[in-house]
Protein backbone atom coordinates (compact mmCIF):
# COMPACT_ATOMS: atom_id res chain seq x y z
CA MET A 1 136.03 82.56 -22.47
CA ALA A 2 135.46 78.90 -22.30
CA ALA A 3 133.97 76.64 -24.84
CA SER A 4 131.69 73.68 -24.58
CA LEU A 5 134.08 71.18 -26.08
CA GLU A 6 132.20 67.97 -25.42
CA ASN A 7 130.81 67.93 -28.96
CA THR A 8 134.02 68.52 -30.87
CA GLY A 9 134.47 64.85 -31.71
CA HIS A 10 138.14 65.03 -30.77
CA GLU A 11 139.81 63.75 -27.65
CA LEU A 12 142.37 65.81 -25.87
CA TYR A 13 145.71 64.18 -25.29
CA SER A 14 144.92 61.35 -22.90
CA SER A 15 148.55 60.83 -21.88
CA ALA A 16 148.82 64.39 -20.62
CA GLY A 17 147.41 63.78 -17.16
CA PRO A 18 144.53 65.64 -15.54
CA TYR A 19 146.24 69.01 -15.08
CA LEU A 20 147.44 69.35 -18.64
CA MET A 21 144.12 68.11 -20.00
CA GLN A 22 142.34 70.85 -18.03
CA LEU A 23 144.78 73.44 -19.32
CA GLN A 24 144.24 72.19 -22.86
CA GLN A 25 140.50 72.67 -22.34
CA GLY A 26 141.20 76.19 -21.07
CA TYR A 27 143.40 76.95 -24.07
CA LEU A 28 140.72 75.67 -26.44
CA GLY A 29 138.33 77.97 -24.59
CA GLU A 30 140.58 80.89 -25.53
CA ILE A 31 140.56 79.80 -29.17
CA TYR A 32 136.77 79.53 -28.96
CA GLY A 33 136.50 82.95 -27.32
CA MET A 34 138.61 84.62 -29.99
CA ALA A 35 136.40 83.25 -32.78
CA PHE A 36 133.22 84.01 -30.83
CA PHE A 37 134.04 87.63 -30.01
CA GLU A 38 135.57 88.31 -33.41
CA ARG A 39 132.35 87.31 -35.16
CA LEU A 40 130.10 88.95 -32.58
CA GLY A 41 132.04 92.18 -32.98
CA ARG A 42 131.94 91.97 -36.76
CA ASP A 43 128.28 91.01 -37.15
CA TYR A 44 126.35 92.28 -34.11
CA HIS A 45 125.91 95.81 -35.39
CA PHE A 46 124.89 94.60 -38.87
CA GLN A 47 121.97 92.65 -37.42
CA VAL A 48 120.34 95.79 -36.07
CA THR A 49 118.44 97.94 -38.55
CA GLU A 50 117.39 101.54 -38.00
CA SER A 51 113.83 100.50 -37.17
CA GLN A 52 115.08 98.01 -34.63
CA LEU A 53 117.18 100.65 -32.90
CA THR A 54 114.10 102.25 -31.41
CA GLU A 55 112.19 98.98 -31.15
CA ILE A 56 114.79 97.36 -28.89
CA HIS A 57 116.04 100.57 -27.27
CA LEU A 58 119.50 100.27 -28.76
CA THR A 59 121.16 103.54 -29.61
CA GLU A 60 123.86 104.27 -32.13
CA SER A 61 126.22 104.78 -29.19
CA HIS A 62 125.43 101.23 -27.99
CA LEU A 63 126.41 99.92 -31.41
CA ILE A 64 129.74 101.74 -31.22
CA GLU A 65 130.18 100.57 -27.62
CA SER A 66 129.43 96.97 -28.62
CA GLN A 67 132.22 96.97 -31.18
CA ALA A 68 134.67 98.30 -28.58
CA VAL A 69 133.48 95.72 -26.04
CA PHE A 70 133.86 92.77 -28.40
CA SER A 71 137.20 94.04 -29.65
CA LEU A 72 138.52 94.26 -26.09
CA LEU A 73 137.16 90.81 -25.21
CA PHE A 74 138.82 89.38 -28.34
CA LYS A 75 142.09 91.01 -27.32
CA VAL A 76 141.89 89.49 -23.83
CA GLU A 77 141.23 86.03 -25.27
CA GLN A 78 144.11 86.42 -27.72
CA TYR A 79 146.60 87.64 -25.12
CA THR A 80 145.62 84.89 -22.72
CA ALA A 81 146.05 82.22 -25.41
CA LYS A 82 149.51 83.59 -26.21
CA ALA A 83 150.45 83.71 -22.53
CA LEU A 84 149.31 80.10 -22.08
CA LEU A 85 151.47 79.06 -25.03
CA LYS A 86 154.47 80.71 -23.40
CA LEU A 87 153.80 78.86 -20.15
CA LEU A 88 152.97 75.57 -21.88
CA PRO A 89 154.63 75.33 -25.31
CA GLU A 90 153.21 71.81 -25.72
CA LEU A 91 149.80 73.38 -26.35
CA ALA A 92 151.12 74.43 -29.76
CA SER A 93 151.05 70.75 -30.78
CA LEU A 94 147.26 70.52 -30.56
CA ASN A 95 145.78 69.21 -33.77
CA GLU A 96 144.91 72.05 -36.18
CA ALA A 97 141.73 70.22 -37.20
CA LEU A 98 140.60 70.35 -33.56
CA LEU A 99 141.41 74.07 -33.33
CA GLU A 100 139.48 74.73 -36.54
CA GLN A 101 136.51 72.73 -35.30
CA VAL A 102 136.47 74.79 -32.09
CA ARG A 103 136.59 78.01 -34.14
CA MET A 104 133.73 76.84 -36.35
CA GLN A 105 131.66 75.82 -33.33
CA ALA A 106 132.13 79.30 -31.86
CA GLN A 107 131.27 81.03 -35.13
CA LYS A 108 128.09 78.97 -35.41
CA GLU A 109 127.01 79.66 -31.83
CA VAL A 110 127.16 83.41 -32.42
CA ASP A 111 124.05 83.15 -34.61
CA SER A 112 121.87 82.71 -31.54
CA TRP A 113 123.34 85.81 -29.87
CA LEU A 114 123.21 88.29 -32.75
CA LYS A 115 119.62 89.45 -32.40
CA LEU A 116 119.64 89.95 -28.65
CA PRO A 117 119.11 93.52 -27.49
CA TRP A 118 122.26 94.99 -25.92
CA HIS A 119 121.13 94.72 -22.28
CA GLU A 120 119.95 91.12 -22.82
CA LEU A 121 123.20 90.25 -24.55
CA LEU A 122 125.23 91.52 -21.61
CA ALA A 123 123.06 89.61 -19.14
CA ALA A 124 123.35 86.43 -21.22
CA LEU A 125 127.13 86.78 -21.45
CA CYS A 126 127.37 87.18 -17.66
CA LEU A 127 125.32 84.03 -17.13
CA TRP A 128 127.41 82.18 -19.69
CA VAL A 129 130.78 83.17 -18.22
CA GLU A 130 129.93 82.68 -14.53
CA PRO A 131 130.18 78.85 -14.36
CA TYR A 132 133.51 78.94 -16.22
CA GLN A 133 134.84 81.56 -13.82
CA GLN A 134 133.88 79.26 -10.94
CA LYS A 135 135.35 76.19 -12.62
CA TYR A 136 138.64 77.91 -13.39
CA ALA A 137 138.87 79.24 -9.84
CA LYS A 138 138.42 75.70 -8.51
CA TRP A 139 141.01 74.34 -10.92
CA ALA A 140 143.46 77.04 -9.82
CA ASP A 141 142.82 76.27 -6.15
CA ASP A 142 143.24 72.54 -6.76
CA ALA A 143 146.52 73.09 -8.61
CA GLU A 144 147.87 75.64 -6.12
CA SER A 145 150.66 73.35 -4.96
CA ASN A 146 151.58 72.18 -8.46
CA SER A 147 154.71 74.09 -9.39
CA GLU A 148 154.61 72.95 -13.02
CA TYR A 149 151.08 74.11 -13.87
CA GLY A 150 150.05 76.45 -11.05
CA ALA A 151 150.89 79.65 -12.95
CA ALA A 152 148.89 78.57 -15.99
CA PHE A 153 145.86 77.75 -13.85
CA ARG A 154 146.09 81.12 -12.08
CA LEU A 155 146.31 82.85 -15.46
CA LEU A 156 143.11 81.12 -16.62
CA GLU A 157 141.37 81.97 -13.37
CA ARG A 158 142.44 85.66 -13.43
CA HIS A 159 141.43 85.86 -17.09
CA GLU A 160 137.93 84.47 -16.57
CA THR A 161 137.41 86.50 -13.39
CA ALA A 162 138.41 89.69 -15.21
CA ILE A 163 135.97 88.96 -18.04
CA TYR A 164 133.18 88.17 -15.59
CA LEU A 165 133.75 91.34 -13.54
CA TYR A 166 133.96 93.38 -16.74
CA LEU A 167 130.65 92.05 -18.05
CA GLN A 168 129.00 92.70 -14.69
CA ALA A 169 130.33 96.26 -14.72
CA LEU A 170 129.00 96.79 -18.25
CA GLU A 171 125.64 95.42 -17.21
CA ARG A 172 125.54 97.95 -14.36
CA GLY A 173 126.42 100.71 -16.83
CA GLU A 174 129.80 101.58 -15.31
CA LYS A 175 131.62 104.00 -17.59
CA ARG A 176 135.11 102.80 -16.68
CA ALA A 177 134.43 99.07 -16.94
CA ALA A 178 137.21 98.62 -19.50
CA LEU A 179 139.77 99.34 -16.78
CA ILE A 180 139.10 95.85 -15.39
CA LEU A 181 140.36 94.19 -18.56
CA GLU A 182 143.08 96.77 -19.15
CA ARG A 183 144.49 96.01 -15.69
CA PHE A 184 144.42 92.31 -16.51
CA LEU A 185 146.21 92.88 -19.80
CA GLY A 186 148.76 95.10 -18.09
CA ALA A 187 149.57 92.30 -15.68
CA LEU A 188 150.47 89.84 -18.46
């Protein structure tokens, strides 16, 4: 998951060069995604009352499914962040205040997603992830010949593509959609 980091008030390391700055943005996106999916998973089911279940056509099984979905998405964000740190240990030196600000921004943004019916939430997530999937694919293609950062860019691209394909599969109602992310995690 990627974050909109323009409003964080912090600059990424300017001496890092364009590739590392992009990877720092990607890493911050993972931090954002972890906070976002953790809160969505924790609070989404609490926002839906019994009367709303029938009103918005959300079943108890959808509530259980939503927790599993958000838990798996959190896990993918977490594993990707850890894998990026292994590839680029210098990411560990990012300012903790910046990381906390990104987490808080993600937590706050969840408020606007909590009351969406399940099918609308999935559609909104697909629309939200798609431009980041495209951006990360372009970054990976642009860095293809860069031996120092190429693997990290491919990781980000595979990560975002897996999330995007997973959300599309969920939206179509595919029962085995989780296999998309499980395959990604198995490849790390």
